[in-house]
Amino acid sequence: MKMMIKRRCFLITVILMTAGILAAQSDFTCGGNVNDVEGNVYETVKIGSLCWMTSNMRTKTYNDGREVPAAMIYES
């Protein structure tokens, strides 16, 4: 049960972080690249009417400078 809650929190965090990145980059066009606060670069692709990142986020810092809790960081 705890693992499911952690996964849901992680997914919600990723969605909100992605929305924040895309909103902050006003010149964004789907199919281009986006950068996170740490300078990691992510490619995007349009599927149907939605724009998706082609990889998981690797940032360990929120855009306000707070650290992402270790339990929410996905290490591949």
N, C-alpha and C. Protein backbone atom coordinates (compact mmCIF):
# COMPACT_ATOMS: atom_id res chain seq x y z
N MET A 1 0.82 -1.19 0.00
CA MET A 1 0.00 0.00 0.00
C MET A 1 0.87 1.26 0.00
N LYS A 2 1.91 1.27 0.86
CA LYS A 2 2.80 2.44 0.91
C LYS A 2 3.49 2.66 -0.43
N MET A 3 3.86 1.56 -1.10
CA MET A 3 4.55 1.67 -2.39
C MET A 3 3.62 2.29 -3.43
N MET A 4 2.34 1.92 -3.41
CA MET A 4 1.39 2.50 -4.35
C MET A 4 1.24 4.00 -4.12
N ILE A 5 1.19 4.41 -2.86
CA ILE A 5 1.07 5.83 -2.53
C ILE A 5 2.31 6.57 -2.98
N LYS A 6 3.49 5.99 -2.76
CA LYS A 6 4.74 6.63 -3.20
C LYS A 6 4.77 6.76 -4.71
N ARG A 7 4.32 5.73 -5.42
CA ARG A 7 4.30 5.78 -6.88
C ARG A 7 3.35 6.86 -7.38
N ARG A 8 2.18 6.95 -6.75
CA ARG A 8 1.21 7.99 -7.15
C ARG A 8 1.80 9.38 -6.89
N CYS A 9 2.42 9.56 -5.73
CA CYS A 9 3.04 10.85 -5.41
C CYS A 9 4.14 11.17 -6.42
N PHE A 10 4.93 10.17 -6.79
CA PHE A 10 5.99 10.37 -7.77
C PHE A 10 5.41 10.79 -9.10
N LEU A 11 4.38 10.09 -9.56
CA LEU A 11 3.77 10.41 -10.86
C LEU A 11 3.16 11.81 -10.85
N ILE A 12 2.50 12.17 -9.77
CA ILE A 12 1.92 13.52 -9.66
C ILE A 12 3.02 14.56 -9.69
N THR A 13 4.12 14.30 -8.98
CA THR A 13 5.24 15.23 -8.95
C THR A 13 5.84 15.40 -10.34
N VAL A 14 6.04 14.30 -11.06
CA VAL A 14 6.60 14.36 -12.41
C VAL A 14 5.68 15.16 -13.33
N ILE A 15 4.39 14.93 -13.24
CA ILE A 15 3.44 15.67 -14.08
C ILE A 15 3.51 17.16 -13.77
N LEU A 16 3.52 17.51 -12.48
CA LEU A 16 3.57 18.93 -12.12
C LEU A 16 4.90 19.56 -12.51
N MET A 17 5.99 18.83 -12.35
CA MET A 17 7.30 19.36 -12.73
C MET A 17 7.36 19.56 -14.24
N THR A 18 6.82 18.62 -14.99
CA THR A 18 6.81 18.74 -16.45
C THR A 18 5.98 19.94 -16.87
N ALA A 19 4.82 20.11 -16.26
CA ALA A 19 3.97 21.25 -16.59
C ALA A 19 4.69 22.55 -16.28
N GLY A 20 5.42 22.59 -15.18
CA GLY A 20 6.18 23.79 -14.81
C GLY A 20 7.29 24.09 -15.80
N ILE A 21 7.97 23.06 -16.26
CA ILE A 21 9.04 23.25 -17.25
C ILE A 21 8.47 23.78 -18.55
N LEU A 22 7.39 23.17 -19.03
CA LEU A 22 6.82 23.59 -20.31
C LEU A 22 6.24 25.00 -20.22
N ALA A 23 5.63 25.34 -19.08
CA ALA A 23 5.07 26.68 -18.92
C ALA A 23 6.17 27.73 -18.85
N ALA A 24 7.31 27.38 -18.24
CA ALA A 24 8.41 28.33 -18.08
C ALA A 24 9.12 28.61 -19.40
N GLN A 25 9.01 27.71 -20.36
CA GLN A 25 9.69 27.88 -21.63
C GLN A 25 8.66 28.31 -22.67
N SER A 26 8.40 29.61 -22.73
CA SER A 26 7.33 30.13 -23.56
C SER A 26 7.56 29.90 -25.06
N ASP A 27 8.82 29.71 -25.46
CA ASP A 27 9.13 29.49 -26.86
C ASP A 27 9.12 28.00 -27.22
N PHE A 28 8.54 27.19 -26.37
CA PHE A 28 8.53 25.74 -26.54
C PHE A 28 7.67 25.31 -27.72
N THR A 29 8.19 24.37 -28.50
CA THR A 29 7.44 23.72 -29.57
C THR A 29 7.61 22.22 -29.39
N CYS A 30 6.52 21.49 -29.36
CA CYS A 30 6.61 20.05 -29.18
C CYS A 30 7.45 19.45 -30.31
N GLY A 31 8.33 18.54 -29.94
CA GLY A 31 9.28 17.95 -30.88
C GLY A 31 10.67 18.52 -30.65
N GLY A 32 10.72 19.61 -29.88
CA GLY A 32 12.00 20.21 -29.52
C GLY A 32 12.49 19.67 -28.20
N ASN A 33 13.42 20.36 -27.60
CA ASN A 33 13.98 19.94 -26.32
C ASN A 33 13.53 20.88 -25.22
N VAL A 34 13.47 20.35 -23.99
CA VAL A 34 13.23 21.16 -22.80
C VAL A 34 14.36 20.88 -21.81
N ASN A 35 14.65 21.86 -20.97
CA ASN A 35 15.70 21.72 -19.95
C ASN A 35 15.07 21.85 -18.57
N ASP A 36 15.62 21.12 -17.61
CA ASP A 36 15.16 21.30 -16.24
C ASP A 36 16.07 22.30 -15.53
N VAL A 37 15.80 22.53 -14.26
CA VAL A 37 16.53 23.53 -13.49
C VAL A 37 18.01 23.18 -13.33
N GLU A 38 18.36 21.89 -13.47
CA GLU A 38 19.75 21.46 -13.34
C GLU A 38 20.48 21.42 -14.68
N GLY A 39 19.77 21.74 -15.76
CA GLY A 39 20.40 21.75 -17.07
C GLY A 39 20.30 20.46 -17.85
N ASN A 40 19.60 19.45 -17.30
CA ASN A 40 19.36 18.22 -18.06
C ASN A 40 18.47 18.55 -19.25
N VAL A 41 18.74 17.91 -20.38
CA VAL A 41 17.97 18.16 -21.61
C VAL A 41 17.09 16.94 -21.89
N TYR A 42 15.84 17.21 -22.23
CA TYR A 42 14.87 16.15 -22.53
C TYR A 42 14.26 16.40 -23.90
N GLU A 43 14.20 15.37 -24.71
CA GLU A 43 13.53 15.46 -26.01
C GLU A 43 12.04 15.28 -25.80
N THR A 44 11.24 15.85 -26.69
CA THR A 44 9.79 15.68 -26.62
C THR A 44 9.28 15.14 -27.94
N VAL A 45 8.10 14.54 -27.88
CA VAL A 45 7.46 13.99 -29.07
C VAL A 45 5.96 14.20 -28.94
N LYS A 46 5.30 14.49 -30.05
CA LYS A 46 3.86 14.66 -30.04
C LYS A 46 3.20 13.35 -30.41
N ILE A 47 2.29 12.90 -29.55
CA ILE A 47 1.51 11.68 -29.79
C ILE A 47 0.05 12.09 -29.73
N GLY A 48 -0.60 12.03 -30.88
CA GLY A 48 -1.97 12.54 -30.95
C GLY A 48 -1.95 14.04 -30.74
N SER A 49 -2.71 14.51 -29.77
CA SER A 49 -2.74 15.94 -29.48
C SER A 49 -1.89 16.30 -28.25
N LEU A 50 -1.19 15.31 -27.69
CA LEU A 50 -0.42 15.54 -26.47
C LEU A 50 1.08 15.56 -26.74
N CYS A 51 1.79 16.31 -25.93
CA CYS A 51 3.25 16.37 -26.02
C CYS A 51 3.84 15.61 -24.84
N TRP A 52 4.75 14.68 -25.12
CA TRP A 52 5.35 13.84 -24.08
C TRP A 52 6.86 13.99 -24.10
N MET A 53 7.47 13.83 -22.95
CA MET A 53 8.93 13.75 -22.87
C MET A 53 9.32 12.31 -23.19
N THR A 54 10.44 12.12 -23.89
CA THR A 54 10.83 10.77 -24.32
C THR A 54 11.60 10.02 -23.24
N SER A 55 11.91 10.67 -22.13
CA SER A 55 12.62 9.99 -21.03
C SER A 55 12.12 10.52 -19.70
N ASN A 56 12.40 9.79 -18.64
CA ASN A 56 12.06 10.22 -17.29
C ASN A 56 12.93 11.41 -16.89
N MET A 57 12.40 12.25 -16.04
CA MET A 57 13.18 13.39 -15.55
C MET A 57 14.30 12.88 -14.64
N ARG A 58 15.45 13.53 -14.72
CA ARG A 58 16.60 13.15 -13.91
C ARG A 58 16.94 14.19 -12.85
N THR A 59 16.18 15.26 -12.79
CA THR A 59 16.49 16.33 -11.84
C THR A 59 16.30 15.88 -10.40
N LYS A 60 17.09 16.42 -9.53
CA LYS A 60 16.97 16.13 -8.10
C LYS A 60 16.63 17.40 -7.33
N THR A 61 16.23 18.45 -8.08
CA THR A 61 15.91 19.74 -7.48
C THR A 61 14.64 20.30 -8.12
N TYR A 62 13.72 20.78 -7.29
CA TYR A 62 12.54 21.48 -7.80
C TYR A 62 12.98 22.84 -8.34
N ASN A 63 12.13 23.48 -9.15
CA ASN A 63 12.51 24.77 -9.73
C ASN A 63 12.62 25.89 -8.70
N ASP A 64 12.13 25.67 -7.48
CA ASP A 64 12.28 26.68 -6.43
C ASP A 64 13.51 26.43 -5.56
N GLY A 65 14.33 25.43 -5.95
CA GLY A 65 15.57 25.15 -5.23
C GLY A 65 15.48 24.05 -4.19
N ARG A 66 14.26 23.65 -3.81
CA ARG A 66 14.13 22.57 -2.83
C ARG A 66 14.56 21.25 -3.45
N GLU A 67 15.11 20.37 -2.62
CA GLU A 67 15.56 19.06 -3.08
C GLU A 67 14.39 18.09 -3.19
N VAL A 68 14.35 17.31 -4.25
CA VAL A 68 13.35 16.25 -4.42
C VAL A 68 13.68 15.16 -3.40
N PRO A 69 12.70 14.72 -2.60
CA PRO A 69 12.98 13.66 -1.62
C PRO A 69 13.55 12.41 -2.29
N ALA A 70 14.50 11.78 -1.64
CA ALA A 70 15.17 10.60 -2.20
C ALA A 70 14.19 9.49 -2.58
N ALA A 71 13.10 9.37 -1.85
CA ALA A 71 12.11 8.33 -2.12
C ALA A 71 11.41 8.55 -3.45
N MET A 72 11.50 9.76 -3.99
CA MET A 72 10.80 10.08 -5.24
C MET A 72 11.74 10.10 -6.44
N ILE A 73 13.02 9.86 -6.22
CA ILE A 73 14.00 9.93 -7.31
C ILE A 73 14.13 8.53 -7.92
N TYR A 74 13.96 8.47 -9.23
CA TYR A 74 14.08 7.21 -9.97
C TYR A 74 15.48 7.10 -10.53
N GLU A 75 16.20 6.10 -10.10
CA GLU A 75 17.55 5.85 -10.61
C GLU A 75 17.48 4.65 -11.53
N SER A 76 17.93 4.80 -12.76
CA SER A 76 17.88 3.66 -13.69
C SER A 76 19.18 2.91 -13.68
